[in-house]
N, C-alpha and C. Protein backbone atom coordinates (compact mmCIF):
# COMPACT_ATOMS: atom_id res chain seq x y z
N MET A 1 0.76 -1.34 0.17
CA MET A 1 -0.08 0.21 0.11
C MET A 1 0.75 1.16 -0.23
N HIS A 2 1.83 1.34 0.75
CA HIS A 2 2.72 2.46 0.76
C HIS A 2 3.70 2.54 -0.32
N HIS A 3 4.10 1.13 -0.86
CA HIS A 3 4.63 1.47 -2.10
C HIS A 3 3.78 2.14 -3.31
N LEU A 4 2.37 1.93 -3.60
CA LEU A 4 1.81 2.36 -4.47
C LEU A 4 1.61 3.82 -4.13
N LEU A 5 1.54 4.44 -2.76
CA LEU A 5 1.25 5.67 -2.59
C LEU A 5 2.49 6.29 -3.11
N ARG A 6 3.95 6.04 -2.89
CA ARG A 6 5.03 6.58 -3.32
C ARG A 6 5.11 6.83 -4.75
N LEU A 7 4.67 5.69 -5.30
CA LEU A 7 4.57 5.79 -6.94
C LEU A 7 3.93 6.76 -7.39
N ALA A 8 2.68 6.90 -6.90
CA ALA A 8 1.69 7.93 -7.32
C ALA A 8 2.27 9.27 -6.92
N ILE A 9 2.77 9.41 -6.00
CA ILE A 9 3.15 10.80 -5.61
C ILE A 9 4.64 11.20 -6.64
N LEU A 10 5.33 10.26 -6.99
CA LEU A 10 6.47 10.50 -8.00
C LEU A 10 5.72 10.96 -9.34
N ALA A 11 4.81 10.10 -9.47
CA ALA A 11 4.32 10.33 -10.90
C ALA A 11 3.76 11.83 -11.14
N LEU A 12 3.02 12.09 -10.13
CA LEU A 12 2.49 13.35 -9.95
C LEU A 12 3.53 14.44 -10.07
N CYS A 13 4.55 14.45 -9.25
CA CYS A 13 5.62 15.53 -9.45
C CYS A 13 6.24 15.36 -10.86
N ILE A 14 6.63 14.52 -11.35
CA ILE A 14 7.40 14.12 -12.61
C ILE A 14 6.23 15.02 -13.73
N THR A 15 4.93 14.80 -13.64
CA THR A 15 4.14 15.28 -14.82
C THR A 15 3.77 16.83 -14.62
N SER A 16 3.73 16.99 -12.97
CA SER A 16 3.12 18.57 -13.03
C SER A 16 3.76 19.37 -12.01
N LEU A 17 4.92 18.89 -11.30
CA LEU A 17 5.43 19.77 -10.35
C LEU A 17 6.83 19.95 -10.70
N GLY A 18 7.51 18.69 -11.09
CA GLY A 18 8.76 18.67 -11.21
C GLY A 18 9.39 19.01 -9.88
N CYS A 19 8.96 18.25 -9.10
CA CYS A 19 9.88 18.32 -7.87
C CYS A 19 10.38 17.02 -7.53
N ALA A 20 11.26 16.63 -8.34
CA ALA A 20 12.06 15.58 -8.26
C ALA A 20 12.94 15.27 -6.90
N GLY A 21 13.28 16.68 -6.60
CA GLY A 21 14.03 16.63 -5.25
C GLY A 21 13.39 16.46 -3.84
N ARG A 22 12.16 16.48 -4.00
CA ARG A 22 11.15 16.51 -3.02
C ARG A 22 10.77 15.28 -2.47
N VAL A 23 11.08 14.15 -3.15
CA VAL A 23 10.56 13.07 -2.86
C VAL A 23 11.28 12.69 -1.62
N PRO A 24 10.36 11.87 -0.54
CA PRO A 24 11.18 11.44 0.58
C PRO A 24 12.00 10.27 0.27
N THR A 25 13.17 10.30 0.68
CA THR A 25 14.10 9.26 0.48
C THR A 25 14.21 8.48 1.72
N GLY A 26 13.65 8.84 2.73
CA GLY A 26 13.89 8.06 3.90
C GLY A 26 14.95 8.56 4.92
N GLU A 27 16.03 7.90 4.82
CA GLU A 27 17.12 8.06 5.60
C GLU A 27 18.07 9.47 4.79
N GLY A 28 18.50 10.22 5.43
CA GLY A 28 19.00 11.14 4.80
C GLY A 28 20.38 11.75 5.65
N GLU A 29 21.58 11.24 5.48
CA GLU A 29 22.56 11.49 6.52
C GLU A 29 23.37 12.77 5.83
N GLY A 30 23.56 13.71 6.29
CA GLY A 30 24.29 14.88 5.96
C GLY A 30 25.05 15.21 7.27
N GLU A 31 26.30 14.76 6.76
CA GLU A 31 27.39 14.73 7.63
C GLU A 31 28.59 15.95 6.86
N GLY A 32 28.45 17.00 7.53
CA GLY A 32 29.44 17.97 6.68
C GLY A 32 30.72 18.13 7.56
N GLU A 33 31.76 17.37 7.73
CA GLU A 33 32.76 17.57 8.64
C GLU A 33 33.78 18.75 7.94
N GLY A 34 33.54 19.85 8.43
CA GLY A 34 34.76 20.69 7.83
C GLY A 34 35.78 21.19 8.76
N GLU A 35 36.91 20.56 8.81
CA GLU A 35 37.89 20.41 9.81
C GLU A 35 39.18 21.60 9.19
N GLY A 36 38.82 22.74 9.47
CA GLY A 36 39.60 23.67 9.04
C GLY A 36 40.89 24.18 9.90
N GLU A 37 41.95 23.47 9.98
CA GLU A 37 42.73 23.93 11.01
C GLU A 37 43.79 24.51 10.45
N GLY A 38 43.86 25.94 10.88
CA GLY A 38 44.85 26.88 10.44
C GLY A 38 45.76 27.14 11.72
N GLU A 39 46.71 26.53 11.64
CA GLU A 39 47.74 26.63 12.42
C GLU A 39 48.82 27.73 11.85
N GLY A 40 48.94 28.95 12.44
CA GLY A 40 49.66 29.90 11.81
C GLY A 40 50.78 30.14 12.84
N GLU A 41 51.77 29.55 12.84
CA GLU A 41 53.21 29.65 14.08
C GLU A 41 54.01 30.74 13.45
N GLY A 42 53.59 32.08 13.82
CA GLY A 42 54.77 32.82 13.23
C GLY A 42 55.67 33.19 14.49
N GLU A 43 56.73 32.89 14.28
CA GLU A 43 57.72 33.21 15.44
C GLU A 43 58.47 34.07 15.01
N GLY A 44 58.54 35.10 15.27
CA GLY A 44 59.59 36.28 14.96
C GLY A 44 60.39 36.68 16.23
N GLU A 45 61.66 35.88 15.75
CA GLU A 45 62.41 36.67 17.03
C GLU A 45 63.68 37.57 16.63
N GLY A 46 63.29 38.48 17.10
CA GLY A 46 64.27 39.55 16.54
C GLY A 46 65.12 39.93 17.50
N GLU A 47 66.42 39.31 17.51
CA GLU A 47 67.38 39.57 18.71
C GLU A 47 68.38 40.67 17.87
N GLY A 48 68.41 41.67 18.25
CA GLY A 48 69.27 42.79 17.59
C GLY A 48 70.22 43.08 18.77
N GLU A 49 71.53 42.29 18.67
CA GLU A 49 72.58 42.64 19.63
C GLU A 49 73.44 43.59 18.73
N GLY A 50 73.64 44.86 19.42
CA GLY A 50 74.33 45.97 18.92
C GLY A 50 75.56 46.11 19.57
N GLU A 51 76.72 45.56 19.66
CA GLU A 51 77.72 45.63 20.59
C GLU A 51 78.60 46.61 19.77
N GLY A 52 78.72 47.68 20.17
CA GLY A 52 79.47 48.86 19.81
C GLY A 52 80.81 49.04 20.61
N GLU A 53 81.42 48.21 20.09
CA GLU A 53 83.06 48.70 21.40
C GLU A 53 83.90 49.42 20.57
N GLY A 54 84.00 50.65 21.09
CA GLY A 54 85.19 51.64 20.43
C GLY A 54 86.08 51.74 21.30
N GLU A 55 87.07 51.25 20.93
CA GLU A 55 88.37 50.92 21.96
C GLU A 55 89.09 51.98 21.37
N GLY A 56 89.41 53.32 21.69
CA GLY A 56 90.53 54.44 21.20
C GLY A 56 91.65 54.31 21.79
N GLU A 57 92.41 53.52 21.52
CA GLU A 57 93.94 53.38 22.31
C GLU A 57 94.89 54.49 21.66
N GLY A 58 94.82 55.61 22.31
CA GLY A 58 95.52 56.77 21.84
C GLY A 58 97.06 56.74 22.74
N GLU A 59 98.03 56.06 22.36
CA GLU A 59 98.81 56.18 23.17
C GLU A 59 99.97 56.88 22.79
N GLY A 60 100.19 58.38 23.48
CA GLY A 60 101.16 59.32 22.49
C GLY A 60 102.15 59.48 23.76
N GLU A 61 103.09 58.52 23.31
CA GLU A 61 104.25 58.62 24.06
C GLU A 61 105.40 59.71 23.54
N GLY A 62 105.31 60.67 24.33
CA GLY A 62 106.39 61.68 23.69
C GLY A 62 107.87 61.58 24.55
N GLU A 63 108.70 60.85 24.12
CA GLU A 63 109.87 60.82 25.08
C GLU A 63 110.99 62.16 24.59
N GLY A 64 110.75 62.70 25.52
CA GLY A 64 111.68 63.95 25.02
C GLY A 64 112.96 64.08 26.07
N GLU A 65 113.96 62.96 25.59
CA GLU A 65 115.01 62.62 26.37
C GLU A 65 115.99 63.99 26.04
N GLY A 66 116.19 64.87 27.03
CA GLY A 66 116.94 65.71 26.59
C GLY A 66 118.12 65.39 27.94
N GLU A 67 118.89 65.03 27.83
CA GLU A 67 120.00 64.61 28.74
C GLU A 67 120.31 66.00 29.36
N GLY A 68 119.87 66.10 30.69
CA GLY A 68 120.12 67.23 31.48
C GLY A 68 121.49 67.17 32.25
N GLU A 69 121.99 68.17 32.51
CA GLU A 69 123.25 67.83 33.22
C GLU A 69 122.95 68.12 34.77
N ASP A 70 123.53 67.37 35.49
CA ASP A 70 123.44 67.24 36.96
C ASP A 70 123.79 68.61 37.52
N ASN A 71 122.99 68.78 38.82
CA ASN A 71 123.29 69.77 39.59
C ASN A 71 124.41 69.44 40.48
N CYS A 72 125.48 70.43 40.84
CA CYS A 72 126.73 70.20 41.73
C CYS A 72 126.57 71.41 42.32
N ARG A 73 127.74 71.11 43.53
CA ARG A 73 128.32 72.13 44.07
C ARG A 73 129.86 72.29 44.20
N ALA A 74 130.39 71.11 43.76
CA ALA A 74 131.92 71.14 43.62
C ALA A 74 131.98 69.87 42.25
N THR A 75 133.17 69.65 42.09
CA THR A 75 133.17 68.66 40.91
C THR A 75 133.37 67.42 41.52
N ALA A 76 133.59 67.14 42.70
CA ALA A 76 133.17 65.78 43.29
C ALA A 76 132.07 65.28 43.35
N ASP A 77 131.00 66.15 42.77
CA ASP A 77 129.75 65.62 42.56
C ASP A 77 129.46 65.13 41.47
N CYS A 78 130.24 65.48 40.75
CA CYS A 78 130.00 65.30 38.95
C CYS A 78 130.84 63.69 38.81
N ASP A 79 130.10 62.91 37.85
CA ASP A 79 130.50 61.63 37.28
C ASP A 79 131.15 61.74 35.87
N ASN A 80 131.71 60.55 35.37
CA ASN A 80 132.35 60.32 34.05
C ASN A 80 133.19 61.45 33.61
N GLY A 81 134.09 62.13 34.45
CA GLY A 81 135.02 62.96 33.90
C GLY A 81 134.37 64.65 33.77
N ALA A 82 133.36 64.82 34.27
CA ALA A 82 132.60 66.00 34.09
C ALA A 82 133.13 67.05 35.24
N SER A 83 133.05 68.38 35.18
CA SER A 83 133.60 69.47 35.89
C SER A 83 132.42 70.22 36.37
N CYS A 84 132.28 70.55 37.60
CA CYS A 84 131.29 71.36 38.08
C CYS A 84 131.38 72.83 37.71
N VAL A 85 130.48 73.46 37.26
CA VAL A 85 130.74 74.69 36.37
C VAL A 85 129.84 75.95 37.27
N HIS A 86 130.19 76.94 37.77
CA HIS A 86 129.61 77.89 38.59
C HIS A 86 128.67 78.46 37.50
N PRO A 87 127.15 79.00 38.00
CA PRO A 87 126.63 79.52 37.01
C PRO A 87 126.96 80.96 36.57
N ASP A 88 127.76 81.57 37.23
CA ASP A 88 128.39 82.96 36.80
C ASP A 88 129.52 82.77 36.11
N ALA A 89 130.02 81.70 35.76
CA ALA A 89 131.20 81.23 34.78
C ALA A 89 130.82 81.59 33.24
N GLU A 90 131.74 82.00 32.54
CA GLU A 90 131.44 82.27 31.12
C GLU A 90 131.34 81.09 30.32
N ALA A 91 130.62 81.11 29.47
CA ALA A 91 130.24 79.63 28.43
C ALA A 91 131.56 79.56 27.99
N SER A 92 131.85 78.25 27.86
CA SER A 92 133.05 77.63 27.33
C SER A 92 132.73 77.09 25.92
N CYS A 93 134.03 77.01 25.41
CA CYS A 93 133.57 76.55 23.77
C CYS A 93 134.70 75.28 23.43
N GLY A 94 134.44 74.50 22.42
CA GLY A 94 135.43 73.40 22.30
C GLY A 94 136.83 73.90 21.95
N ILE A 95 136.86 75.12 21.29
CA ILE A 95 138.21 75.62 20.76
C ILE A 95 138.20 77.14 21.40
N GLY A 96 139.31 77.49 21.57
CA GLY A 96 139.75 78.71 21.84
C GLY A 96 138.92 79.88 21.41
N PRO A 97 138.74 81.13 22.04
CA PRO A 97 138.19 82.30 21.45
C PRO A 97 139.18 82.70 20.16
N PRO A 98 138.69 83.20 19.65
CA PRO A 98 139.44 83.62 18.43
C PRO A 98 140.25 84.97 18.78
N ASN A 99 141.72 84.81 17.99
CA ASN A 99 142.48 85.80 18.85
C ASN A 99 142.63 87.23 17.75
N ILE A 100 142.02 87.91 18.23
CA ILE A 100 141.85 89.25 17.41
C ILE A 100 142.62 90.63 18.32
N ASP A 101 143.48 91.15 17.56
CA ASP A 101 144.34 92.08 18.17
C ASP A 101 143.75 93.30 18.71
N ASP A 102 144.05 93.78 19.34
CA ASP A 102 143.44 95.16 19.77
C ASP A 102 143.67 96.29 18.65
N SER A 103 142.72 97.30 18.30
CA SER A 103 142.99 98.11 17.51
C SER A 103 142.70 99.53 17.81
N CYS A 104 142.87 99.50 19.38
CA CYS A 104 142.80 100.96 19.88
C CYS A 104 143.45 100.75 21.42
N GLY A 105 143.64 101.84 22.11
CA GLY A 105 143.87 101.85 23.57
C GLY A 105 145.58 101.63 23.57
N GLY A 106 146.10 101.83 24.69
CA GLY A 106 147.21 102.17 24.98
C GLY A 106 148.31 103.22 23.86
N ASP A 107 149.17 102.50 23.01
CA ASP A 107 149.99 103.35 22.39
C ASP A 107 149.59 103.32 20.75
N LEU A 108 148.20 102.65 20.59
CA LEU A 108 147.66 102.46 19.32
C LEU A 108 146.91 103.83 19.10
N PRO A 109 146.67 104.08 17.65
CA PRO A 109 146.17 105.38 17.08
C PRO A 109 144.63 105.47 17.92
N ALA A 110 144.43 106.67 18.04
CA ALA A 110 143.20 106.86 18.90
C ALA A 110 141.81 106.69 17.70
N CYS A 111 140.91 106.53 17.85
CA CYS A 111 139.75 106.13 17.00
C CYS A 111 139.23 107.33 16.51
N ALA A 112 138.63 107.13 15.66
CA ALA A 112 138.10 108.51 14.55
C ALA A 112 137.04 109.32 15.30
N ALA A 113 136.64 110.21 14.84
CA ALA A 113 135.55 111.04 15.41
C ALA A 113 134.32 110.60 15.39
N GLY A 114 133.61 110.25 16.49
CA GLY A 114 132.08 109.91 16.67
C GLY A 114 132.42 108.42 17.01
N THR A 115 133.42 108.01 17.15
CA THR A 115 133.79 106.42 17.65
C THR A 115 134.74 106.61 18.95
N VAL A 116 134.62 105.55 19.83
CA VAL A 116 135.23 105.54 20.95
C VAL A 116 135.96 104.28 21.12
N CYS A 117 137.18 103.94 22.14
CA CYS A 117 137.71 102.63 22.10
C CYS A 117 136.78 102.09 23.22
N ASP A 118 136.52 100.51 23.11
CA ASP A 118 135.80 100.05 23.90
C ASP A 118 136.05 98.41 23.96
N VAL A 119 135.69 97.89 24.96
CA VAL A 119 135.56 96.31 25.03
C VAL A 119 134.79 95.61 23.98
N VAL A 120 135.38 94.97 23.01
CA VAL A 120 134.32 94.25 22.13
C VAL A 120 134.33 92.75 22.34
N GLU A 121 133.27 92.01 22.64
CA GLU A 121 133.22 90.59 22.86
C GLU A 121 133.36 89.85 21.54
N ASP A 122 134.33 88.63 21.63
CA ASP A 122 134.58 87.96 20.60
C ASP A 122 133.70 86.61 20.77
N GLY A 123 133.15 86.38 21.88
CA GLY A 123 132.75 85.00 22.08
C GLY A 123 133.75 84.02 22.72
N CYS A 124 133.26 82.86 23.31
CA CYS A 124 133.97 82.06 23.89
C CYS A 124 134.84 82.59 25.06
N GLY A 125 134.56 83.62 25.53
CA GLY A 125 135.28 84.43 26.93
C GLY A 125 136.41 85.18 26.13
N GLY A 126 136.45 85.37 24.49
CA GLY A 126 137.40 86.42 24.04
C GLY A 126 137.18 87.74 24.11
N ARG A 127 137.90 88.73 24.17
CA ARG A 127 137.56 90.32 24.03
C ARG A 127 138.77 90.84 23.24
N HIS A 128 138.74 92.07 22.87
CA HIS A 128 139.79 92.70 21.95
C HIS A 128 139.12 94.05 22.48
N LEU A 129 140.11 95.20 22.03
CA LEU A 129 139.76 96.53 22.03
C LEU A 129 139.65 96.97 20.80
N GLY A 130 138.37 97.59 20.64
CA GLY A 130 138.31 98.35 19.09
C GLY A 130 137.31 99.53 19.21
N CYS A 131 137.27 100.00 17.88
CA CYS A 131 136.72 101.33 17.97
C CYS A 131 135.15 101.13 17.86
N VAL A 132 134.32 101.53 18.59
CA VAL A 132 133.02 101.57 18.15
C VAL A 132 132.02 102.97 18.23
N ALA A 133 131.05 102.84 17.79
CA ALA A 133 130.19 104.05 17.66
C ALA A 133 129.90 104.72 19.28
N ALA A 134 130.10 105.80 19.37
CA ALA A 134 129.90 106.61 20.47
C ALA A 134 128.39 106.46 20.73
N CYS A 135 127.97 106.38 21.83
CA CYS A 135 126.60 106.32 22.40
C CYS A 135 125.93 107.75 22.51
N ASP A 136 124.75 108.17 22.42
CA ASP A 136 124.10 109.41 22.28
C ASP A 136 123.11 109.38 23.83
N PRO A 137 123.54 110.21 24.46
CA PRO A 137 122.71 110.21 26.04
C PRO A 137 121.44 110.35 26.02
N GLU A 138 120.77 110.90 24.70
CA GLU A 138 119.78 111.02 24.53
C GLU A 138 119.14 109.54 24.21
N VAL A 139 119.75 108.86 23.38
CA VAL A 139 119.17 107.44 22.81
C VAL A 139 119.55 106.51 23.96
N GLY A 140 120.72 106.65 24.69
CA GLY A 140 120.90 105.67 25.85
C GLY A 140 121.60 104.51 24.94
N CYS A 141 121.50 103.27 25.95
CA CYS A 141 122.39 102.12 25.82
C CYS A 141 121.39 101.03 25.97
N LEU A 142 122.07 99.89 25.95
CA LEU A 142 121.23 98.62 26.45
C LEU A 142 120.71 98.79 27.67
N GLN A 143 119.99 97.64 28.03
CA GLN A 143 119.21 97.91 29.56
C GLN A 143 120.38 97.39 30.55
N GLY A 144 120.39 98.11 31.71
CA GLY A 144 121.71 97.77 32.42
C GLY A 144 122.92 98.46 32.23
N GLU A 145 122.84 99.38 31.28
CA GLU A 145 124.08 100.05 30.87
C GLU A 145 123.73 101.73 31.14
N VAL A 146 124.71 102.50 30.94
CA VAL A 146 124.45 104.18 30.87
C VAL A 146 125.60 104.35 29.87
N CYS A 147 125.36 105.49 29.38
CA CYS A 147 126.16 106.23 28.45
C CYS A 147 126.85 107.43 29.22
N ARG A 148 128.19 106.95 29.22
CA ARG A 148 129.08 107.63 29.91
C ARG A 148 129.45 109.10 29.13
N ALA A 149 129.81 110.30 29.76
CA ALA A 149 130.20 111.39 29.18
C ALA A 149 131.36 111.27 27.97
N ASP A 150 132.09 110.37 27.93
CA ASP A 150 133.09 110.14 26.68
C ASP A 150 132.57 109.27 25.73
N GLY A 151 131.14 109.23 25.81
CA GLY A 151 130.61 108.37 24.61
C GLY A 151 130.64 106.80 24.58
N ARG A 152 131.05 106.27 25.67
CA ARG A 152 131.27 104.82 25.97
C ARG A 152 129.93 104.43 26.88
N CYS A 153 129.43 103.39 26.25
CA CYS A 153 128.40 102.44 26.87
C CYS A 153 129.05 101.53 27.85
N GLU A 154 128.79 101.90 29.36
CA GLU A 154 129.31 101.00 30.30
C GLU A 154 127.96 100.25 31.25
N ALA A 155 128.37 99.14 31.78
CA ALA A 155 127.45 98.83 32.62
C ALA A 155 127.39 99.49 34.10
N ALA A 156 126.07 99.63 34.32
CA ALA A 156 125.64 100.55 35.72
C ALA A 156 126.40 99.93 36.78
N THR A 157 127.03 100.54 37.68
CA THR A 157 127.96 99.74 38.73
C THR A 157 127.19 100.20 40.09
N CYS A 158 127.45 99.40 41.06
CA CYS A 158 126.87 99.45 42.37
C CYS A 158 127.70 100.49 43.18
N GLN A 159 128.56 101.10 42.57
CA GLN A 159 129.38 102.26 43.13
C GLN A 159 129.01 103.72 42.75
N THR A 160 128.64 103.82 41.49
CA THR A 160 128.39 105.13 41.05
C THR A 160 126.71 105.12 40.31
N ASP A 161 126.29 103.97 40.03
CA ASP A 161 125.00 104.27 39.64
C ASP A 161 123.94 103.73 40.37
N GLU A 162 124.15 103.24 41.67
CA GLU A 162 122.91 102.61 42.56
C GLU A 162 122.70 101.37 42.02
N PHE A 163 123.34 100.59 41.14
CA PHE A 163 122.83 99.40 41.08
C PHE A 163 123.09 98.51 42.37
N VAL A 164 122.01 97.45 42.41
CA VAL A 164 121.72 96.75 43.93
C VAL A 164 122.25 95.36 43.10
N CYS A 165 123.36 94.77 44.00
CA CYS A 165 123.89 93.64 43.74
C CYS A 165 123.14 92.49 44.18
N PRO A 166 123.21 91.48 43.42
CA PRO A 166 122.37 90.39 43.76
C PRO A 166 122.82 89.77 45.18
N ALA A 167 121.81 88.91 45.88
CA ALA A 167 122.27 88.55 47.26
C ALA A 167 123.41 87.59 47.17
N HIS A 168 123.88 87.13 46.25
CA HIS A 168 125.03 86.18 46.41
C HIS A 168 126.46 86.99 46.14
N ARG A 169 126.29 88.21 46.05
CA ARG A 169 127.56 89.07 45.65
C ARG A 169 127.47 90.29 46.47
N VAL A 170 128.60 90.87 46.70
CA VAL A 170 128.57 92.25 47.34
C VAL A 170 129.56 93.24 46.52
N CYS A 171 129.15 94.56 47.16
CA CYS A 171 129.44 95.68 46.24
C CYS A 171 130.94 95.57 46.49
N ALA A 172 131.95 95.69 45.44
CA ALA A 172 133.28 95.95 45.52
C ALA A 172 133.63 97.46 45.85
N ALA A 173 134.81 97.65 46.63
CA ALA A 173 134.92 99.02 47.26
C ALA A 173 135.50 99.99 46.07
N VAL A 174 135.74 99.54 44.97
CA VAL A 174 136.28 100.29 43.67
C VAL A 174 135.53 99.80 42.40
N ALA A 175 134.96 100.57 41.71
CA ALA A 175 134.43 100.50 40.33
C ALA A 175 135.12 99.98 39.46
N PRO A 176 134.74 99.17 38.45
CA PRO A 176 135.66 98.61 37.41
C PRO A 176 136.27 100.11 36.52
N GLY A 177 137.36 99.83 35.99
CA GLY A 177 137.85 100.89 35.05
C GLY A 177 137.13 100.90 34.01
N ASP A 178 137.37 101.64 33.22
CA ASP A 178 136.71 102.23 31.66
C ASP A 178 136.81 100.95 30.89
N LEU A 179 138.03 100.11 30.75
CA LEU A 179 138.07 99.18 29.92
C LEU A 179 138.13 97.86 30.64
N ASP A 180 137.81 97.66 31.72
CA ASP A 180 137.91 96.59 32.35
C ASP A 180 136.39 95.97 32.44
N ASP A 181 136.70 94.60 32.73
CA ASP A 181 134.95 93.73 32.65
C ASP A 181 134.15 94.22 33.84
N ASP A 182 132.99 94.86 33.00
CA ASP A 182 132.35 95.24 34.25
C ASP A 182 130.77 94.30 33.95
N ARG A 183 130.98 92.91 33.57
CA ARG A 183 129.56 92.24 33.21
C ARG A 183 128.99 92.31 34.58
N PHE A 184 129.54 92.21 35.97
CA PHE A 184 128.78 92.17 37.06
C PHE A 184 128.64 93.33 37.86
N HIS A 185 128.80 94.30 36.97
CA HIS A 185 128.42 95.82 37.73
C HIS A 185 129.14 96.17 38.91
N GLY A 186 130.49 95.65 39.24
CA GLY A 186 131.25 96.18 40.24
C GLY A 186 130.99 95.33 41.34
N CYS A 187 130.09 94.37 41.26
CA CYS A 187 129.75 93.23 42.35
C CYS A 187 130.70 92.08 42.46
N ASP A 188 131.40 91.87 43.68
CA ASP A 188 132.24 90.98 43.69
C ASP A 188 131.76 89.49 44.44
N PRO A 189 132.02 88.38 44.13
CA PRO A 189 131.67 87.17 44.43
C PRO A 189 131.89 87.09 46.10
N VAL A 190 131.22 86.40 46.85
CA VAL A 190 131.32 86.33 48.22
C VAL A 190 132.06 84.78 48.44
N VAL A 191 133.23 84.90 48.92
CA VAL A 191 133.86 83.64 49.13
C VAL A 191 133.28 82.58 50.14
N CYS A 192 133.32 81.12 49.92
CA CYS A 192 132.42 80.80 50.74
C CYS A 192 133.23 78.98 50.93
N ALA A 193 132.80 78.62 52.09
CA ALA A 193 133.34 77.03 52.48
C ALA A 193 132.18 76.18 52.46
N VAL A 194 131.03 76.44 52.93
CA VAL A 194 129.86 75.66 53.09
C VAL A 194 128.68 76.55 52.49
N ASP A 195 127.49 75.91 52.27
CA ASP A 195 126.39 76.50 52.05
C ASP A 195 126.06 77.56 53.20
N ALA A 196 126.21 77.32 54.48
CA ALA A 196 125.86 78.23 55.22
C ALA A 196 126.49 79.76 55.26
N ASP A 197 127.67 79.83 54.57
CA ASP A 197 128.04 81.07 54.39
C ASP A 197 127.53 81.92 53.44
N CYS A 198 126.52 81.28 52.88
CA CYS A 198 125.87 82.36 51.65
C CYS A 198 124.73 82.77 52.33
N VAL A 199 124.09 83.84 52.12
CA VAL A 199 122.86 84.38 52.24
C VAL A 199 121.54 83.17 51.55
N THR A 200 122.24 82.82 50.27
CA THR A 200 121.39 81.93 49.44
C THR A 200 121.44 80.71 49.73
N ASP A 201 122.35 80.36 50.78
CA ASP A 201 122.53 78.77 51.13
C ASP A 201 123.02 78.10 49.99
N ILE A 202 123.83 78.55 48.96
CA ILE A 202 124.28 77.89 47.92
C ILE A 202 125.96 78.18 47.79
N CYS A 203 126.64 77.23 48.13
CA CYS A 203 128.09 77.48 47.94
C CYS A 203 128.41 76.59 46.89
N VAL A 204 129.03 77.23 45.67
CA VAL A 204 129.53 76.65 44.43
C VAL A 204 130.88 76.98 44.03
N ASN A 205 131.92 75.75 43.97
CA ASN A 205 133.50 76.10 43.80
C ASN A 205 134.15 76.86 44.64
N GLY A 206 133.24 77.08 45.82
CA GLY A 206 133.87 78.20 46.72
C GLY A 206 133.62 79.60 46.82
N THR A 207 132.32 79.96 46.11
CA THR A 207 131.95 81.22 46.10
C THR A 207 130.37 81.01 45.89
N CYS A 208 129.57 82.09 46.51
CA CYS A 208 128.19 82.02 46.65
C CYS A 208 127.47 81.96 45.26
N SER A 209 126.24 81.29 45.31
CA SER A 209 125.54 81.27 44.04
C SER A 209 124.15 81.65 44.39
N SER A 210 123.56 82.04 43.07
CA SER A 210 121.94 82.04 43.25
C SER A 210 121.12 80.86 43.16
N ILE A 211 122.11 79.78 42.43
CA ILE A 211 121.46 78.32 41.74
C ILE A 211 122.44 77.49 41.90
N GLU A 212 122.54 76.30 41.86
CA GLU A 212 123.33 75.23 41.77
C GLU A 212 124.25 75.23 40.54
N GLY A 213 125.23 74.96 40.71
CA GLY A 213 126.11 74.69 39.42
C GLY A 213 125.62 73.47 38.59
N THR A 214 126.15 73.17 37.60
CA THR A 214 125.87 72.20 36.54
C THR A 214 127.26 71.45 36.31
N CYS A 215 127.12 70.08 36.12
CA CYS A 215 128.14 69.07 35.85
C CYS A 215 128.39 69.28 34.38
N GLN A 216 129.41 69.62 33.80
CA GLN A 216 129.59 69.50 32.29
C GLN A 216 130.81 69.04 31.93
N LEU A 217 130.67 68.12 30.88
CA LEU A 217 131.69 67.43 30.01
C LEU A 217 132.55 68.40 29.25
N PRO A 218 134.06 68.37 28.88
CA PRO A 218 134.59 69.15 28.29
C PRO A 218 134.25 69.42 26.82
N ARG A 219 134.11 70.24 26.39
CA ARG A 219 133.32 70.51 25.24
C ARG A 219 134.55 70.17 23.98
N PRO A 220 133.79 69.53 23.02
CA PRO A 220 134.73 68.85 21.79
C PRO A 220 135.07 69.94 21.08
């Protein structure tokens, strides 16, 4: 009976309704398994190690070895054949000073007008008498000198020009002569045996000094 009923319905749909898809088929299993596994592993490891080691080693070794001369009070303080030289001693040279004859003074002819006979330094401790231009009192001379009435520049002295001697020297009783060595302005050295004999507490080679002496080798 049921079978006949289904056949009748089917025939009716085909001829009139066109509902082929609406016929009961009984059991309709519609399993729709949609497994959408979307595993998105995005490992973004951003390790930014910025090691900026700036080692700036600037070694500036400036070795200025200027072999200095040792200080001394006597030659016994020096080594290797050196001698103790007093600070007031004249500079020495490896060779002797030039031998220049005097051109004036004594029995020699007088200097021409406008010039005078005076001591001329030759270097290395050497000196001679020569004619030099006379000084002008209005212009004067070098520092520490005075223009004398005869036109000669001479060192100011402690005897006549109120020059003050340094502590390690004393004013001599008599001023230097016109053509004498006047480098020390008429001030004599003070004789000493030990430092305590000097106002400056420095005794070098038997005379007082403002500073210590220096050990110097013979000049070549």
